[in-house]
Amino acid sequence: MLKYYKTVDGKILQLAEEESGCWIRVIRPTPQETEHLVTDLGLDAGFVSSSLDEEEASRIEQEEDQVFVVVDVPYRNEAEDGTVSYTTLPLGIIITPQYFVTISSATTDVIDDVARGQVKGVRTQYRTRFLLIILLRIAQRFLVHLKQIDRLSGSMESQLGASAKNEALIQILGLEKSLVYFSSSLRANETTLKKISRGRLVTLYEEDEDLLEDALIEFNQAIEMTGTYSHILNSTMEAYANIINNNVNVVMKVLTSVTILMTIPTMVFSYYGMNVAGLQIPVWWFPCIISAVCAVAALIVLIKLKMFK
């Protein structure tokens, strides 16, 4: 899908076709659209294909008069069973003298907000500022998802406090995995942003310094939050693993104690069940009394040893 936008009188307007100074939004392009981007618009074929590679790492490079930036964007997934997880997808940005192009394999909230005109200060003609605005919005989106992860993990902890449900444990494991993705993506994005701040590949202007600084601050904050939440979730999982092990030990103690109590009558009646002469008081009620007395005595000992706690 190809869509064209341009800032006119401070508003983002959609165009029928590309023109100089416009923003070209590309989502899951067809082979014909990809050929149009490469052949007609002159975009580097390697840049286009790299933007659609889900394993592409965040970086910045230049080829002739085109600057290529890849950044990881947070993405929320919700399974059919209600389990929520987060991952990242690469967003390719190609800056040419005529166009500002974004390419992704799926729709993202960051780009959707820009297309709907919900992001202030966007001027498609000012390509450097547009790039920094997108990077800032990506960092802010990471922070939003991190807060969602924090709330979701708190809810799962409450469920685990009531009973150790497998669904809650699976959800927490999914959140831990999400934080690992976030951590690696945020650090890669921060490295890319620092390379941009050097001004070697992208021309920086004085009025964009505050925007660049804000983006760096947001990424640093997101990295710190990711580390903190990851540590909390790891500690939570370790604590509940110890609780589960302790509960298993308690159950095993109780079962062992019950087994001991049931073994005593079995031993007494087995003795009186032998087909030999000379048994003491060979009447039915005597082994019953002996079994009951021995079982009660064993029960008192087990209670004192706290085998039922």
Protein backbone atom coordinates (compact mmCIF):
# COMPACT_ATOMS: atom_id res chain seq x y z
CA MET A 1 0.00 0.00 0.00
CA LEU A 2 1.32 3.39 -0.98
CA LYS A 3 -0.06 6.66 0.35
CA TYR A 4 1.22 10.18 -0.20
CA TYR A 5 1.02 13.05 2.28
CA LYS A 6 2.19 16.62 2.39
CA THR A 7 1.99 19.44 4.87
CA VAL A 8 -0.14 22.28 3.51
CA ASP A 9 -0.90 25.31 5.71
CA GLY A 10 0.23 23.40 8.79
CA LYS A 11 -1.99 20.36 8.12
CA ILE A 12 -1.19 16.87 6.86
CA LEU A 13 -3.12 16.29 3.63
CA GLN A 14 -3.27 13.13 1.57
CA LEU A 15 -2.27 13.44 -2.08
CA ALA A 16 -3.34 11.47 -5.12
CA GLU A 17 0.25 10.94 -6.26
CA GLU A 18 3.77 11.75 -5.21
CA GLU A 19 5.26 15.19 -5.59
CA SER A 20 8.40 16.92 -4.41
CA GLY A 21 8.50 17.49 -0.66
CA CYS A 22 5.88 14.86 0.14
CA TRP A 23 5.92 11.96 2.56
CA ILE A 24 5.43 8.52 1.01
CA ARG A 25 3.98 5.97 3.40
CA VAL A 26 4.61 2.36 2.37
CA ILE A 27 3.01 -0.62 4.14
CA ARG A 28 3.45 -4.20 2.88
CA PRO A 29 4.12 -3.15 -0.71
CA THR A 30 3.18 -5.46 -3.56
CA PRO A 31 5.86 -6.42 -6.13
CA GLN A 32 4.42 -3.81 -8.50
CA GLU A 33 4.59 -1.11 -5.80
CA THR A 34 8.13 -2.12 -4.91
CA GLU A 35 9.14 -1.84 -8.55
CA HIS A 36 7.52 1.62 -8.69
CA LEU A 37 9.54 2.73 -5.67
CA VAL A 38 12.82 1.49 -7.14
CA THR A 39 12.34 2.21 -10.83
CA ASP A 40 10.18 5.33 -10.93
CA LEU A 41 11.16 7.06 -7.69
CA GLY A 42 14.78 5.93 -7.77
CA LEU A 43 14.90 4.47 -4.25
CA ASP A 44 17.75 2.11 -3.48
CA ALA A 45 16.52 -1.49 -3.88
CA GLY A 46 18.61 -2.67 -0.93
CA PHE A 47 17.09 -0.03 1.34
CA VAL A 48 13.57 -1.04 0.35
CA SER A 49 14.15 -4.76 0.92
CA SER A 50 15.94 -4.15 4.22
CA SER A 51 12.98 -2.14 5.50
CA LEU A 52 10.73 -5.18 5.03
CA ASP A 53 13.12 -7.62 6.74
CA GLU A 54 11.74 -8.33 10.24
CA GLU A 55 15.23 -9.27 11.46
CA GLU A 56 16.83 -6.01 10.31
CA ALA A 57 18.83 -4.27 13.03
CA SER A 58 18.57 -0.56 13.77
CA ARG A 59 21.19 1.46 11.93
CA ILE A 60 21.85 4.44 9.67
CA GLU A 61 23.77 4.52 6.40
CA GLN A 62 24.05 6.55 3.21
CA GLU A 63 24.14 5.59 -0.45
CA GLU A 64 24.84 8.47 -2.84
CA ASP A 65 22.18 11.12 -2.10
CA GLN A 66 19.92 8.81 -0.06
CA VAL A 67 20.05 8.38 3.73
CA PHE A 68 18.63 5.17 5.14
CA VAL A 69 17.56 4.84 8.77
CA VAL A 70 16.16 1.68 10.37
CA VAL A 71 14.58 1.91 13.83
CA ASP A 72 12.64 -0.62 15.89
CA VAL A 73 9.03 0.26 16.68
CA PRO A 74 7.11 -1.39 19.57
CA TYR A 75 4.22 -3.61 18.55
CA ARG A 76 1.48 -5.16 20.69
CA ASN A 77 0.23 -8.69 20.07
CA GLU A 78 -2.85 -10.27 21.64
CA ALA A 79 -3.36 -14.02 21.23
CA GLU A 80 -6.72 -15.75 20.96
CA ASP A 81 -6.45 -16.96 24.56
CA GLY A 82 -6.13 -13.36 25.74
CA THR A 83 -2.38 -13.49 26.40
CA VAL A 84 -0.72 -10.16 25.63
CA SER A 85 2.86 -9.85 24.42
CA TYR A 86 5.00 -7.12 22.92
CA THR A 87 7.60 -7.24 20.22
CA THR A 88 9.33 -4.82 17.86
CA LEU A 89 9.18 -4.33 14.12
CA PRO A 90 11.69 -2.48 11.91
CA LEU A 91 10.64 0.80 10.37
CA GLY A 92 12.69 1.87 7.38
CA ILE A 93 13.07 5.58 6.64
CA ILE A 94 14.60 6.67 3.34
CA ILE A 95 15.41 10.36 2.94
CA THR A 96 16.03 11.65 -0.57
CA PRO A 97 16.30 15.23 -1.88
CA GLN A 98 12.67 14.99 -3.09
CA TYR A 99 10.89 12.57 -0.75
CA PHE A 100 10.62 11.33 2.80
CA VAL A 101 9.71 7.63 2.68
CA THR A 102 8.66 5.31 5.52
CA ILE A 103 8.46 1.57 4.85
CA SER A 104 7.13 -1.12 7.21
CA SER A 105 5.70 -4.62 7.02
CA ALA A 106 2.73 -3.73 9.27
CA THR A 107 0.83 -0.70 10.45
CA THR A 108 2.22 1.04 13.52
CA ASP A 109 0.61 3.44 15.96
CA VAL A 110 3.41 5.98 15.53
CA ILE A 111 2.94 6.35 11.78
CA ASP A 112 -0.84 6.17 12.10
CA ASP A 113 -0.81 9.13 14.48
CA VAL A 114 1.28 11.19 12.07
CA ALA A 115 -0.98 10.33 9.12
CA ARG A 116 -4.06 11.35 11.12
CA GLY A 117 -2.49 14.71 11.92
CA GLN A 118 -2.29 14.00 15.67
CA VAL A 119 1.39 14.91 15.88
CA LYS A 120 2.19 18.61 16.10
CA GLY A 121 5.03 20.31 14.27
CA VAL A 122 5.22 17.91 11.32
CA ARG A 123 6.44 19.50 8.12
CA THR A 124 7.05 16.95 5.40
CA GLN A 125 9.33 19.39 3.61
CA TYR A 126 11.65 19.59 6.65
CA ARG A 127 12.97 16.07 6.45
CA THR A 128 15.44 16.20 9.34
CA ARG A 129 12.84 17.55 11.73
CA PHE A 130 10.31 15.00 10.50
CA LEU A 131 12.83 12.22 11.22
CA LEU A 132 13.47 13.46 14.75
CA ILE A 133 9.74 13.79 15.44
CA ILE A 134 9.20 10.16 14.42
CA LEU A 135 12.09 9.02 16.62
CA LEU A 136 10.70 10.98 19.57
CA ARG A 137 7.24 9.46 19.05
CA ILE A 138 8.78 5.98 18.91
CA ALA A 139 10.52 6.55 22.26
CA GLN A 140 7.27 7.82 23.76
CA ARG A 141 5.42 4.77 22.41
CA PHE A 142 7.96 2.52 24.11
CA LEU A 143 7.22 4.30 27.39
CA VAL A 144 3.47 3.80 26.91
CA HIS A 145 3.89 0.08 26.32
CA LEU A 146 6.25 -0.21 29.30
CA LYS A 147 3.58 1.30 31.55
CA GLN A 148 1.06 -1.18 30.12
CA ILE A 149 3.46 -4.02 30.91
CA ASP A 150 3.82 -2.74 34.47
CA ARG A 151 0.03 -2.63 34.98
CA LEU A 152 -0.43 -6.05 33.39
CA SER A 153 2.29 -7.63 35.51
CA GLY A 154 0.70 -6.14 38.64
CA SER A 155 -2.63 -7.72 37.68
CA MET A 156 -0.96 -11.09 37.11
CA GLU A 157 0.78 -10.87 40.48
CA SER A 158 -2.60 -10.36 42.15
CA GLN A 159 -3.91 -13.48 40.45
CA LEU A 160 -0.86 -15.46 41.50
CA GLY A 161 -1.36 -14.23 45.06
CA ALA A 162 -4.81 -15.81 45.10
CA SER A 163 -3.81 -19.04 43.31
CA ALA A 164 -0.93 -20.11 41.13
CA LYS A 165 -2.69 -20.23 37.76
CA ASN A 166 -0.84 -21.42 34.70
CA GLU A 167 -2.37 -18.61 32.61
CA ALA A 168 -0.89 -15.96 34.91
CA LEU A 169 2.53 -17.62 34.87
CA ILE A 170 2.49 -17.86 31.06
CA GLN A 171 1.49 -14.20 30.82
CA ILE A 172 4.37 -13.12 33.08
CA LEU A 173 6.81 -15.21 31.05
CA GLY A 174 5.52 -13.49 27.91
CA LEU A 175 6.08 -10.09 29.50
CA GLU A 176 9.63 -11.06 30.45
CA LYS A 177 10.28 -12.03 26.84
CA SER A 178 8.78 -8.72 25.67
CA LEU A 179 11.13 -6.77 27.93
CA VAL A 180 14.11 -8.60 26.44
CA TYR A 181 13.00 -7.49 22.96
CA PHE A 182 12.47 -3.95 24.20
CA SER A 183 15.86 -3.78 25.87
CA SER A 184 17.83 -4.82 22.77
CA SER A 185 15.73 -2.62 20.44
CA LEU A 186 15.96 0.46 22.66
CA ARG A 187 19.74 0.22 22.92
CA ALA A 188 20.06 -0.20 19.16
CA ASN A 189 17.75 2.77 18.57
CA GLU A 190 19.73 4.88 21.02
CA THR A 191 22.96 4.04 19.18
CA THR A 192 21.38 5.03 15.87
CA LEU A 193 20.11 8.29 17.34
CA LYS A 194 23.57 9.12 18.67
CA LYS A 195 25.00 8.57 15.19
CA ILE A 196 22.37 10.95 13.81
CA SER A 197 23.32 13.53 16.43
CA ARG A 198 26.85 13.70 15.00
CA GLY A 199 25.43 15.34 11.87
CA ARG A 200 27.58 13.42 9.41
CA LEU A 201 24.81 11.68 7.47
CA VAL A 202 21.84 13.91 8.32
CA THR A 203 22.02 17.68 8.26
CA LEU A 204 21.10 19.04 11.70
CA TYR A 205 19.80 22.53 12.35
CA GLU A 206 19.89 24.62 15.51
CA GLU A 207 16.11 24.63 15.90
CA ASP A 208 16.17 20.79 15.99
CA GLU A 209 18.65 20.52 18.89
CA ASP A 210 15.91 20.52 21.55
CA LEU A 211 13.99 17.85 19.66
CA LEU A 212 17.09 15.70 19.39
CA GLU A 213 17.85 16.13 23.08
CA ASP A 214 14.27 15.23 24.03
CA ALA A 215 14.46 12.05 21.93
CA LEU A 216 17.71 11.00 23.60
CA ILE A 217 16.23 11.64 27.06
CA GLU A 218 13.11 9.61 26.25
CA PHE A 219 15.16 6.67 24.97
CA ASN A 220 17.37 6.76 28.07
CA GLN A 221 14.30 6.78 30.30
CA ALA A 222 12.78 3.87 28.38
CA ILE A 223 16.01 1.87 28.73
CA GLU A 224 16.08 2.46 32.49
CA MET A 225 12.40 1.54 32.86
CA THR A 226 12.93 -1.64 30.85
CA GLY A 227 15.79 -2.69 33.11
CA THR A 228 13.77 -1.93 36.25
CA TYR A 229 10.65 -3.80 35.11
CA SER A 230 12.73 -6.74 33.90
CA HIS A 231 14.42 -6.99 37.30
CA ILE A 232 11.05 -6.82 39.07
CA LEU A 233 9.55 -9.56 36.90
CA ASN A 234 12.59 -11.79 37.37
CA SER A 235 12.38 -11.35 41.13
CA THR A 236 8.64 -12.06 41.05
CA MET A 237 9.11 -15.27 39.08
CA GLU A 238 11.88 -16.42 41.44
CA ALA A 239 9.69 -15.67 44.46
CA TYR A 240 6.73 -17.59 43.07
CA ALA A 241 8.98 -20.48 42.06
CA ASN A 242 10.11 -20.70 45.69
CA ILE A 243 6.50 -20.48 46.87
CA ILE A 244 5.44 -23.28 44.53
CA ASN A 245 8.36 -25.46 45.69
CA ASN A 246 7.43 -24.78 49.30
CA ASN A 247 3.79 -25.70 48.63
CA VAL A 248 4.90 -28.95 46.98
CA ASN A 249 7.04 -29.76 50.02
CA VAL A 250 4.09 -29.15 52.33
CA VAL A 251 1.87 -31.43 50.27
CA MET A 252 4.53 -34.14 50.27
CA LYS A 253 4.87 -33.87 54.05
CA VAL A 254 1.12 -34.26 54.54
CA LEU A 255 0.96 -37.22 52.15
CA THR A 256 3.89 -38.87 53.91
CA SER A 257 2.23 -38.40 57.29
CA VAL A 258 -1.06 -39.87 56.03
CA THR A 259 0.85 -42.81 54.56
CA ILE A 260 2.51 -43.48 57.93
CA LEU A 261 -0.86 -43.40 59.74
CA MET A 262 -2.40 -45.80 57.22
CA THR A 263 0.58 -48.16 57.45
CA ILE A 264 0.12 -48.82 61.20
CA PRO A 265 -3.31 -50.58 60.95
CA THR A 266 -2.04 -52.44 57.89
CA MET A 267 0.91 -53.86 59.84
CA VAL A 268 -1.24 -54.89 62.83
CA PHE A 269 -3.94 -56.59 60.76
CA SER A 270 -1.27 -58.25 58.60
CA TYR A 271 0.22 -59.76 61.75
CA TYR A 272 -3.14 -61.09 62.91
CA GLY A 273 -3.92 -62.27 59.43
CA MET A 274 -1.10 -64.84 59.49
CA ASN A 275 -2.37 -68.45 59.51
CA VAL A 276 -0.32 -69.61 62.53
CA ALA A 277 -1.08 -70.73 66.07
CA GLY A 278 -0.22 -68.87 69.29
CA LEU A 279 -1.44 -65.36 68.38
CA GLN A 280 -2.11 -63.09 71.38
CA ILE A 281 -5.81 -62.60 72.13
CA PRO A 282 -7.09 -63.88 68.76
CA VAL A 283 -10.33 -61.92 68.73
CA TRP A 284 -11.39 -59.30 66.16
CA TRP A 285 -11.62 -56.30 68.51
CA PHE A 286 -8.11 -56.57 69.93
CA PRO A 287 -6.18 -55.66 66.72
CA CYS A 288 -8.67 -52.83 66.19
CA ILE A 289 -7.82 -51.35 69.60
CA ILE A 290 -4.07 -51.82 69.06
CA SER A 291 -4.27 -50.14 65.63
CA ALA A 292 -6.27 -47.19 66.97
CA VAL A 293 -3.91 -46.61 69.94
CA CYS A 294 -0.78 -46.80 67.77
CA ALA A 295 -2.31 -44.55 65.11
CA VAL A 296 -3.32 -41.91 67.69
CA ALA A 297 0.15 -42.01 69.24
CA ALA A 298 1.76 -41.61 65.81
CA LEU A 299 -0.65 -38.77 64.99
CA ILE A 300 0.33 -36.90 68.18
CA VAL A 301 4.02 -37.29 67.33
CA LEU A 302 3.51 -36.09 63.75
CA ILE A 303 1.54 -33.06 64.93
CA LYS A 304 4.30 -32.13 67.36
CA LEU A 305 6.80 -32.46 64.53
CA LYS A 306 4.56 -30.06 62.48
CA MET A 307 4.23 -32.53 59.67
CA PHE A 308 0.80 -31.17 58.74
CA LYS A 309 1.96 -27.54 58.24
